[in-house]
Amino acid sequence: MSRQQIERAFPTLLYSRYRITSPPEKDYNCIAWAAGDMSAWWEPDPQYICYWPDDIPRVYTVEAYVGVFETLGFTQCQEAGHEDGFEKVAIYISSDGKPAHAARQLGSGLWTSKLGNSEDIEHGGWSALEGQIYGAATVILKRRIHPYEEKQN
């Protein structure tokens, strides 16, 4: 996507100090990116083409997507604000009630997202991507960062 296409799709990004951080990449999606995996596309497809954790039902539900991040040590929380020593993930729910996107909070407090099979971006807040395409960031999860990992973010 060009910068103009991104801004047309997500107009709130203009007010969010966003920047493109990678070229388009088709090997992974936003769920994989939020999980820290750049080697596979994560999706609960019934054909078993994409990666999905074995113990999580292959269904497009909020519960299944939350379950994926729980297998990675995340727990649900109420606050999306930055907390020292924790990383957070926001799961966006579309108007039809299905998970549509995930973003991950960086150690700096900024958020990072993978836009489908397009670019990765860094943005100032989880709400910058809310709208018709991804819906609303409805579920927030967090996990403790080990001191070494915190320095890398």
N, C-alpha and C. Protein backbone atom coordinates (compact mmCIF):
# COMPACT_ATOMS: atom_id res chain seq x y z
N MET A 1 0.85 -1.18 0.00
CA MET A 1 0.00 0.00 0.00
C MET A 1 0.89 1.24 0.00
N SER A 2 0.48 2.23 -0.70
CA SER A 2 1.20 3.49 -0.64
C SER A 2 0.79 4.22 0.64
N ARG A 3 1.56 5.21 1.01
CA ARG A 3 1.23 6.02 2.19
C ARG A 3 -0.18 6.61 2.03
N GLN A 4 -0.51 7.06 0.83
CA GLN A 4 -1.84 7.64 0.59
C GLN A 4 -2.94 6.60 0.77
N GLN A 5 -2.70 5.37 0.32
CA GLN A 5 -3.70 4.31 0.50
C GLN A 5 -3.88 3.97 1.97
N ILE A 6 -2.78 3.93 2.70
CA ILE A 6 -2.85 3.66 4.14
C ILE A 6 -3.67 4.75 4.83
N GLU A 7 -3.39 6.00 4.51
CA GLU A 7 -4.08 7.12 5.16
C GLU A 7 -5.55 7.19 4.75
N ARG A 8 -5.88 6.76 3.54
CA ARG A 8 -7.27 6.71 3.12
C ARG A 8 -8.01 5.61 3.88
N ALA A 9 -7.35 4.48 4.05
CA ALA A 9 -7.98 3.35 4.76
C ALA A 9 -8.10 3.62 6.26
N PHE A 10 -7.12 4.32 6.82
CA PHE A 10 -7.07 4.57 8.27
C PHE A 10 -6.81 6.06 8.51
N PRO A 11 -7.80 6.93 8.32
CA PRO A 11 -7.58 8.37 8.41
C PRO A 11 -7.09 8.84 9.78
N THR A 12 -7.40 8.12 10.84
CA THR A 12 -6.96 8.53 12.18
C THR A 12 -5.45 8.41 12.33
N LEU A 13 -4.81 7.60 11.50
CA LEU A 13 -3.35 7.47 11.57
C LEU A 13 -2.65 8.80 11.38
N LEU A 14 -3.26 9.71 10.63
CA LEU A 14 -2.65 11.01 10.38
C LEU A 14 -2.36 11.76 11.68
N TYR A 15 -3.12 11.47 12.72
CA TYR A 15 -2.97 12.16 14.00
C TYR A 15 -2.23 11.29 15.02
N SER A 16 -1.58 10.25 14.56
CA SER A 16 -1.05 9.24 15.46
C SER A 16 0.47 9.05 15.38
N ARG A 17 1.18 9.96 14.79
CA ARG A 17 2.65 9.81 14.67
C ARG A 17 3.02 8.46 14.07
N TYR A 18 2.38 8.05 13.01
CA TYR A 18 2.67 6.74 12.45
C TYR A 18 3.84 6.81 11.48
N ARG A 19 4.46 5.66 11.30
CA ARG A 19 5.51 5.55 10.28
C ARG A 19 5.53 4.11 9.77
N ILE A 20 5.89 3.98 8.50
CA ILE A 20 6.02 2.66 7.89
C ILE A 20 7.37 2.10 8.32
N THR A 21 7.40 0.87 8.80
CA THR A 21 8.64 0.30 9.33
C THR A 21 9.17 -0.88 8.52
N SER A 22 8.43 -1.31 7.50
CA SER A 22 8.92 -2.40 6.65
C SER A 22 8.23 -2.34 5.29
N PRO A 23 8.84 -2.95 4.30
CA PRO A 23 8.17 -3.07 3.01
C PRO A 23 7.05 -4.12 3.10
N PRO A 24 6.17 -4.18 2.09
CA PRO A 24 5.12 -5.21 2.09
C PRO A 24 5.73 -6.61 2.21
N GLU A 25 5.05 -7.48 2.94
CA GLU A 25 5.53 -8.84 3.17
C GLU A 25 4.33 -9.76 3.26
N LYS A 26 4.33 -10.83 2.49
CA LYS A 26 3.19 -11.74 2.43
C LYS A 26 3.36 -13.00 3.27
N ASP A 27 4.50 -13.17 3.94
CA ASP A 27 4.75 -14.40 4.69
C ASP A 27 4.05 -14.45 6.04
N TYR A 28 3.67 -13.31 6.59
CA TYR A 28 3.03 -13.28 7.91
C TYR A 28 1.95 -12.21 7.93
N ASN A 29 1.04 -12.32 8.89
CA ASN A 29 -0.06 -11.36 9.02
C ASN A 29 0.00 -10.66 10.38
N CYS A 30 -1.04 -9.90 10.67
CA CYS A 30 -1.05 -9.11 11.90
C CYS A 30 -1.07 -9.98 13.15
N ILE A 31 -1.73 -11.11 13.10
CA ILE A 31 -1.78 -11.99 14.28
C ILE A 31 -0.38 -12.54 14.56
N ALA A 32 0.29 -13.00 13.52
CA ALA A 32 1.66 -13.49 13.67
C ALA A 32 2.57 -12.38 14.17
N TRP A 33 2.44 -11.19 13.58
CA TRP A 33 3.28 -10.05 13.96
C TRP A 33 3.06 -9.69 15.43
N ALA A 34 1.80 -9.65 15.86
CA ALA A 34 1.51 -9.34 17.26
C ALA A 34 2.07 -10.42 18.19
N ALA A 35 2.12 -11.65 17.69
CA ALA A 35 2.66 -12.77 18.47
C ALA A 35 4.19 -12.84 18.41
N GLY A 36 4.80 -12.02 17.56
CA GLY A 36 6.26 -12.00 17.45
C GLY A 36 6.82 -12.98 16.44
N ASP A 37 6.00 -13.45 15.51
CA ASP A 37 6.43 -14.44 14.52
C ASP A 37 6.37 -13.84 13.12
N MET A 38 7.51 -13.79 12.45
CA MET A 38 7.57 -13.26 11.09
C MET A 38 7.76 -14.37 10.07
N SER A 39 7.51 -15.61 10.46
CA SER A 39 7.77 -16.74 9.56
C SER A 39 6.51 -17.45 9.08
N ALA A 40 5.34 -17.10 9.61
CA ALA A 40 4.13 -17.84 9.24
C ALA A 40 2.90 -16.93 9.29
N TRP A 41 1.93 -17.26 8.49
CA TRP A 41 0.63 -16.60 8.51
C TRP A 41 -0.24 -17.33 9.52
N TRP A 42 -0.71 -16.64 10.56
CA TRP A 42 -1.52 -17.25 11.61
C TRP A 42 -3.00 -17.01 11.31
N GLU A 43 -3.73 -18.08 11.12
CA GLU A 43 -5.17 -17.97 10.85
C GLU A 43 -5.82 -19.32 11.11
N PRO A 44 -7.05 -19.31 11.66
CA PRO A 44 -7.71 -20.58 11.98
C PRO A 44 -8.44 -21.19 10.78
N ASP A 45 -7.81 -21.19 9.63
CA ASP A 45 -8.45 -21.71 8.43
C ASP A 45 -8.77 -23.20 8.59
N PRO A 46 -9.94 -23.63 8.16
CA PRO A 46 -10.32 -25.04 8.33
C PRO A 46 -9.54 -26.00 7.44
N GLN A 47 -8.82 -25.49 6.45
CA GLN A 47 -8.02 -26.35 5.56
C GLN A 47 -6.64 -26.67 6.13
N TYR A 48 -6.29 -26.07 7.26
CA TYR A 48 -5.00 -26.30 7.91
C TYR A 48 -3.82 -25.85 7.04
N ILE A 49 -4.03 -24.83 6.24
CA ILE A 49 -2.95 -24.28 5.42
C ILE A 49 -2.08 -23.34 6.25
N CYS A 50 -2.72 -22.54 7.07
CA CYS A 50 -2.01 -21.56 7.89
C CYS A 50 -1.65 -22.14 9.25
N TYR A 51 -0.71 -21.49 9.93
CA TYR A 51 -0.35 -21.90 11.29
C TYR A 51 -1.46 -21.50 12.24
N TRP A 52 -1.74 -22.36 13.20
CA TRP A 52 -2.65 -22.07 14.31
C TRP A 52 -2.28 -23.01 15.43
N PRO A 53 -2.16 -22.53 16.67
CA PRO A 53 -1.78 -23.43 17.77
C PRO A 53 -2.71 -24.64 17.87
N ASP A 54 -2.12 -25.80 18.09
CA ASP A 54 -2.86 -27.06 18.09
C ASP A 54 -4.02 -27.12 19.07
N ASP A 55 -3.86 -26.55 20.24
CA ASP A 55 -4.88 -26.67 21.28
C ASP A 55 -6.01 -25.65 21.17
N ILE A 56 -5.96 -24.79 20.16
CA ILE A 56 -6.96 -23.74 20.02
C ILE A 56 -7.90 -24.08 18.86
N PRO A 57 -9.22 -24.02 19.08
CA PRO A 57 -10.16 -24.33 18.00
C PRO A 57 -9.92 -23.44 16.77
N ARG A 58 -10.03 -24.04 15.60
CA ARG A 58 -9.84 -23.31 14.34
C ARG A 58 -11.16 -22.64 13.95
N VAL A 59 -11.50 -21.61 14.70
CA VAL A 59 -12.72 -20.85 14.46
C VAL A 59 -12.40 -19.36 14.58
N TYR A 60 -13.15 -18.56 13.84
CA TYR A 60 -12.95 -17.11 13.85
C TYR A 60 -13.80 -16.48 14.95
N THR A 61 -13.39 -16.70 16.20
CA THR A 61 -14.11 -16.13 17.34
C THR A 61 -13.13 -15.37 18.22
N VAL A 62 -13.70 -14.46 18.99
CA VAL A 62 -12.88 -13.70 19.94
C VAL A 62 -12.22 -14.66 20.92
N GLU A 63 -12.97 -15.65 21.38
CA GLU A 63 -12.43 -16.61 22.37
C GLU A 63 -11.23 -17.36 21.81
N ALA A 64 -11.29 -17.76 20.56
CA ALA A 64 -10.17 -18.49 19.96
C ALA A 64 -8.94 -17.59 19.84
N TYR A 65 -9.13 -16.36 19.41
CA TYR A 65 -8.00 -15.45 19.26
C TYR A 65 -7.39 -15.10 20.61
N VAL A 66 -8.23 -14.90 21.61
CA VAL A 66 -7.72 -14.68 22.97
C VAL A 66 -6.94 -15.91 23.41
N GLY A 67 -7.46 -17.09 23.13
CA GLY A 67 -6.78 -18.34 23.48
C GLY A 67 -5.40 -18.45 22.86
N VAL A 68 -5.26 -17.99 21.63
CA VAL A 68 -3.94 -18.00 20.97
C VAL A 68 -2.94 -17.21 21.79
N PHE A 69 -3.31 -16.00 22.19
CA PHE A 69 -2.38 -15.17 22.94
C PHE A 69 -2.18 -15.67 24.36
N GLU A 70 -3.18 -16.33 24.92
CA GLU A 70 -2.99 -16.94 26.24
C GLU A 70 -1.96 -18.06 26.18
N THR A 71 -1.88 -18.79 25.06
CA THR A 71 -0.84 -19.83 24.94
C THR A 71 0.56 -19.22 24.93
N LEU A 72 0.64 -17.93 24.65
CA LEU A 72 1.93 -17.23 24.62
C LEU A 72 2.21 -16.49 25.92
N GLY A 73 1.38 -16.72 26.92
CA GLY A 73 1.61 -16.12 28.23
C GLY A 73 0.87 -14.82 28.49
N PHE A 74 0.01 -14.40 27.58
CA PHE A 74 -0.76 -13.17 27.78
C PHE A 74 -2.00 -13.46 28.62
N THR A 75 -2.43 -12.45 29.38
CA THR A 75 -3.69 -12.51 30.12
C THR A 75 -4.48 -11.24 29.81
N GLN A 76 -5.79 -11.35 29.88
CA GLN A 76 -6.61 -10.18 29.59
C GLN A 76 -6.43 -9.13 30.67
N CYS A 77 -6.50 -7.87 30.26
CA CYS A 77 -6.41 -6.75 31.19
C CYS A 77 -7.37 -5.66 30.73
N GLN A 78 -7.53 -4.65 31.54
CA GLN A 78 -8.48 -3.57 31.23
C GLN A 78 -7.82 -2.36 30.58
N GLU A 79 -6.56 -2.12 30.86
CA GLU A 79 -5.90 -0.90 30.43
C GLU A 79 -4.96 -1.13 29.25
N ALA A 80 -5.08 -0.28 28.24
CA ALA A 80 -4.19 -0.37 27.07
C ALA A 80 -2.97 0.52 27.23
N GLY A 81 -2.93 1.33 28.28
CA GLY A 81 -1.80 2.22 28.49
C GLY A 81 -0.51 1.46 28.74
N HIS A 82 0.61 2.14 28.53
CA HIS A 82 1.92 1.54 28.71
C HIS A 82 2.17 1.22 30.19
N GLU A 83 2.69 0.03 30.45
CA GLU A 83 3.10 -0.38 31.79
C GLU A 83 4.52 -0.90 31.69
N ASP A 84 5.43 -0.32 32.46
CA ASP A 84 6.81 -0.82 32.46
C ASP A 84 6.82 -2.30 32.81
N GLY A 85 7.62 -3.05 32.06
CA GLY A 85 7.77 -4.47 32.33
C GLY A 85 6.75 -5.37 31.66
N PHE A 86 5.84 -4.79 30.89
CA PHE A 86 4.81 -5.58 30.20
C PHE A 86 4.74 -5.21 28.73
N GLU A 87 4.36 -6.19 27.91
CA GLU A 87 3.98 -5.88 26.54
C GLU A 87 2.51 -6.20 26.41
N LYS A 88 1.84 -5.48 25.52
CA LYS A 88 0.40 -5.65 25.38
C LYS A 88 0.04 -5.92 23.93
N VAL A 89 -1.10 -6.57 23.76
CA VAL A 89 -1.67 -6.85 22.45
C VAL A 89 -3.12 -6.39 22.49
N ALA A 90 -3.54 -5.74 21.42
CA ALA A 90 -4.95 -5.35 21.27
C ALA A 90 -5.54 -6.18 20.14
N ILE A 91 -6.69 -6.78 20.39
CA ILE A 91 -7.42 -7.52 19.36
C ILE A 91 -8.61 -6.66 18.94
N TYR A 92 -8.69 -6.40 17.65
CA TYR A 92 -9.75 -5.57 17.08
C TYR A 92 -10.89 -6.47 16.61
N ILE A 93 -12.10 -6.06 16.92
CA ILE A 93 -13.29 -6.84 16.58
C ILE A 93 -14.11 -6.03 15.58
N SER A 94 -14.42 -6.64 14.44
CA SER A 94 -15.19 -5.97 13.39
C SER A 94 -16.67 -5.88 13.78
N SER A 95 -17.43 -5.17 12.97
CA SER A 95 -18.85 -4.97 13.27
C SER A 95 -19.65 -6.28 13.24
N ASP A 96 -19.11 -7.32 12.60
CA ASP A 96 -19.81 -8.61 12.59
C ASP A 96 -19.41 -9.49 13.78
N GLY A 97 -18.62 -8.93 14.71
CA GLY A 97 -18.26 -9.65 15.93
C GLY A 97 -17.08 -10.58 15.80
N LYS A 98 -16.36 -10.53 14.68
CA LYS A 98 -15.22 -11.42 14.47
C LYS A 98 -13.90 -10.66 14.59
N PRO A 99 -12.86 -11.35 15.05
CA PRO A 99 -11.55 -10.71 15.12
C PRO A 99 -11.09 -10.29 13.72
N ALA A 100 -10.57 -9.06 13.63
CA ALA A 100 -10.16 -8.53 12.33
C ALA A 100 -8.70 -8.09 12.30
N HIS A 101 -8.10 -7.86 13.46
CA HIS A 101 -6.73 -7.33 13.49
C HIS A 101 -6.17 -7.50 14.90
N ALA A 102 -4.85 -7.49 14.99
CA ALA A 102 -4.17 -7.43 16.29
C ALA A 102 -2.98 -6.49 16.16
N ALA A 103 -2.72 -5.73 17.20
CA ALA A 103 -1.58 -4.83 17.27
C ALA A 103 -0.83 -5.12 18.56
N ARG A 104 0.48 -4.83 18.55
CA ARG A 104 1.32 -5.09 19.72
C ARG A 104 1.95 -3.79 20.20
N GLN A 105 1.95 -3.59 21.50
CA GLN A 105 2.58 -2.40 22.07
C GLN A 105 4.07 -2.66 22.25
N LEU A 106 4.86 -1.70 21.83
CA LEU A 106 6.31 -1.78 21.96
C LEU A 106 6.74 -1.27 23.33
N GLY A 107 7.98 -1.54 23.70
CA GLY A 107 8.51 -1.06 24.97
C GLY A 107 8.48 0.45 25.11
N SER A 108 8.48 1.15 23.99
CA SER A 108 8.43 2.61 23.98
C SER A 108 7.04 3.15 24.31
N GLY A 109 6.04 2.28 24.28
CA GLY A 109 4.66 2.71 24.47
C GLY A 109 3.92 2.89 23.16
N LEU A 110 4.66 2.97 22.05
CA LEU A 110 4.03 3.03 20.73
C LEU A 110 3.50 1.64 20.38
N TRP A 111 2.67 1.57 19.36
CA TRP A 111 2.08 0.31 18.91
C TRP A 111 2.61 -0.04 17.53
N THR A 112 2.63 -1.32 17.21
CA THR A 112 3.07 -1.79 15.90
C THR A 112 2.00 -2.72 15.33
N SER A 113 1.79 -2.59 14.03
CA SER A 113 0.78 -3.39 13.34
C SER A 113 1.28 -3.84 11.99
N LYS A 114 0.79 -4.96 11.55
CA LYS A 114 1.01 -5.47 10.20
C LYS A 114 -0.31 -5.27 9.46
N LEU A 115 -0.27 -4.57 8.35
CA LEU A 115 -1.48 -4.26 7.61
C LEU A 115 -1.73 -5.32 6.54
N GLY A 116 -2.37 -6.41 6.93
CA GLY A 116 -2.64 -7.51 6.00
C GLY A 116 -1.35 -8.07 5.43
N ASN A 117 -1.25 -8.12 4.10
CA ASN A 117 0.00 -8.57 3.49
C ASN A 117 0.82 -7.37 3.01
N SER A 118 0.51 -6.21 3.56
CA SER A 118 1.25 -5.00 3.23
C SER A 118 2.31 -4.71 4.29
N GLU A 119 2.53 -3.42 4.54
CA GLU A 119 3.61 -3.00 5.42
C GLU A 119 3.33 -3.23 6.90
N ASP A 120 4.42 -3.19 7.67
CA ASP A 120 4.33 -3.06 9.12
C ASP A 120 4.38 -1.56 9.38
N ILE A 121 3.64 -1.12 10.38
CA ILE A 121 3.70 0.29 10.75
C ILE A 121 3.85 0.41 12.26
N GLU A 122 4.33 1.55 12.69
CA GLU A 122 4.39 1.91 14.10
C GLU A 122 3.42 3.07 14.25
N HIS A 123 2.58 3.04 15.27
CA HIS A 123 1.59 4.10 15.44
C HIS A 123 1.46 4.47 16.91
N GLY A 124 0.99 5.70 17.14
CA GLY A 124 0.98 6.25 18.49
C GLY A 124 0.00 5.63 19.46
N GLY A 125 -1.05 5.05 18.98
CA GLY A 125 -2.04 4.46 19.88
C GLY A 125 -2.82 3.37 19.21
N TRP A 126 -3.39 2.48 20.01
CA TRP A 126 -4.17 1.38 19.47
C TRP A 126 -5.40 1.88 18.72
N SER A 127 -5.94 3.03 19.13
CA SER A 127 -7.17 3.53 18.51
C SER A 127 -6.95 4.09 17.10
N ALA A 128 -5.70 4.27 16.69
CA ALA A 128 -5.41 4.84 15.38
C ALA A 128 -5.89 3.98 14.22
N LEU A 129 -6.10 2.70 14.45
CA LEU A 129 -6.56 1.81 13.38
C LEU A 129 -8.04 1.45 13.50
N GLU A 130 -8.70 2.00 14.50
CA GLU A 130 -10.12 1.69 14.66
C GLU A 130 -10.93 2.33 13.53
N GLY A 131 -11.97 1.64 13.09
CA GLY A 131 -12.82 2.17 12.03
C GLY A 131 -13.51 1.05 11.28
N GLN A 132 -13.92 1.34 10.06
CA GLN A 132 -14.70 0.39 9.27
C GLN A 132 -13.93 -0.88 8.92
N ILE A 133 -12.64 -0.78 8.70
CA ILE A 133 -11.88 -1.95 8.24
C ILE A 133 -11.63 -2.94 9.37
N TYR A 134 -11.07 -2.48 10.48
CA TYR A 134 -10.71 -3.39 11.57
C TYR A 134 -11.69 -3.37 12.73
N GLY A 135 -12.62 -2.44 12.77
CA GLY A 135 -13.53 -2.36 13.89
C GLY A 135 -12.87 -1.66 15.07
N ALA A 136 -13.12 -2.15 16.27
CA ALA A 136 -12.62 -1.52 17.49
C ALA A 136 -11.70 -2.46 18.26
N ALA A 137 -10.68 -1.87 18.88
CA ALA A 137 -9.79 -2.64 19.75
C ALA A 137 -10.57 -2.93 21.02
N THR A 138 -11.07 -4.14 21.12
CA THR A 138 -12.00 -4.51 22.17
C THR A 138 -11.35 -5.32 23.28
N VAL A 139 -10.36 -6.11 22.94
CA VAL A 139 -9.70 -6.98 23.92
C VAL A 139 -8.25 -6.56 24.04
N ILE A 140 -7.82 -6.33 25.28
CA ILE A 140 -6.42 -5.99 25.56
C ILE A 140 -5.84 -7.11 26.41
N LEU A 141 -4.66 -7.57 26.04
CA LEU A 141 -3.96 -8.61 26.81
C LEU A 141 -2.56 -8.12 27.12
N LYS A 142 -1.97 -8.67 28.18
CA LYS A 142 -0.60 -8.28 28.51
C LYS A 142 0.17 -9.49 29.02
N ARG A 143 1.50 -9.38 28.93
CA ARG A 143 2.38 -10.37 29.54
C ARG A 143 3.65 -9.66 29.99
N ARG A 144 4.24 -10.22 31.01
CA ARG A 144 5.47 -9.66 31.55
C ARG A 144 6.60 -9.86 30.56
N ILE A 145 7.42 -8.84 30.41
CA ILE A 145 8.60 -8.91 29.55
C ILE A 145 9.80 -9.22 30.44
N HIS A 146 10.62 -10.14 29.98
CA HIS A 146 11.86 -10.42 30.69
C HIS A 146 12.80 -9.24 30.48
N PRO A 147 13.64 -8.90 31.46
CA PRO A 147 14.51 -7.72 31.34
C PRO A 147 15.31 -7.67 30.03
N TYR A 148 15.79 -8.80 29.54
CA TYR A 148 16.56 -8.80 28.30
C TYR A 148 15.68 -8.38 27.12
N GLU A 149 14.46 -8.91 27.05
CA GLU A 149 13.54 -8.58 25.96
C GLU A 149 13.16 -7.11 25.99
N GLU A 150 12.98 -6.55 27.19
CA GLU A 150 12.58 -5.16 27.34
C GLU A 150 13.62 -4.24 26.71
N LYS A 151 14.90 -4.56 26.86
CA LYS A 151 15.96 -3.74 26.28
C LYS A 151 15.95 -3.81 24.76
N GLN A 152 15.46 -4.91 24.19
CA GLN A 152 15.45 -5.09 22.74
C GLN A 152 14.34 -4.28 22.07
N ASN A 153 13.26 -3.98 22.78
CA ASN A 153 12.13 -3.23 22.21
C ASN A 153 12.48 -1.81 22.20
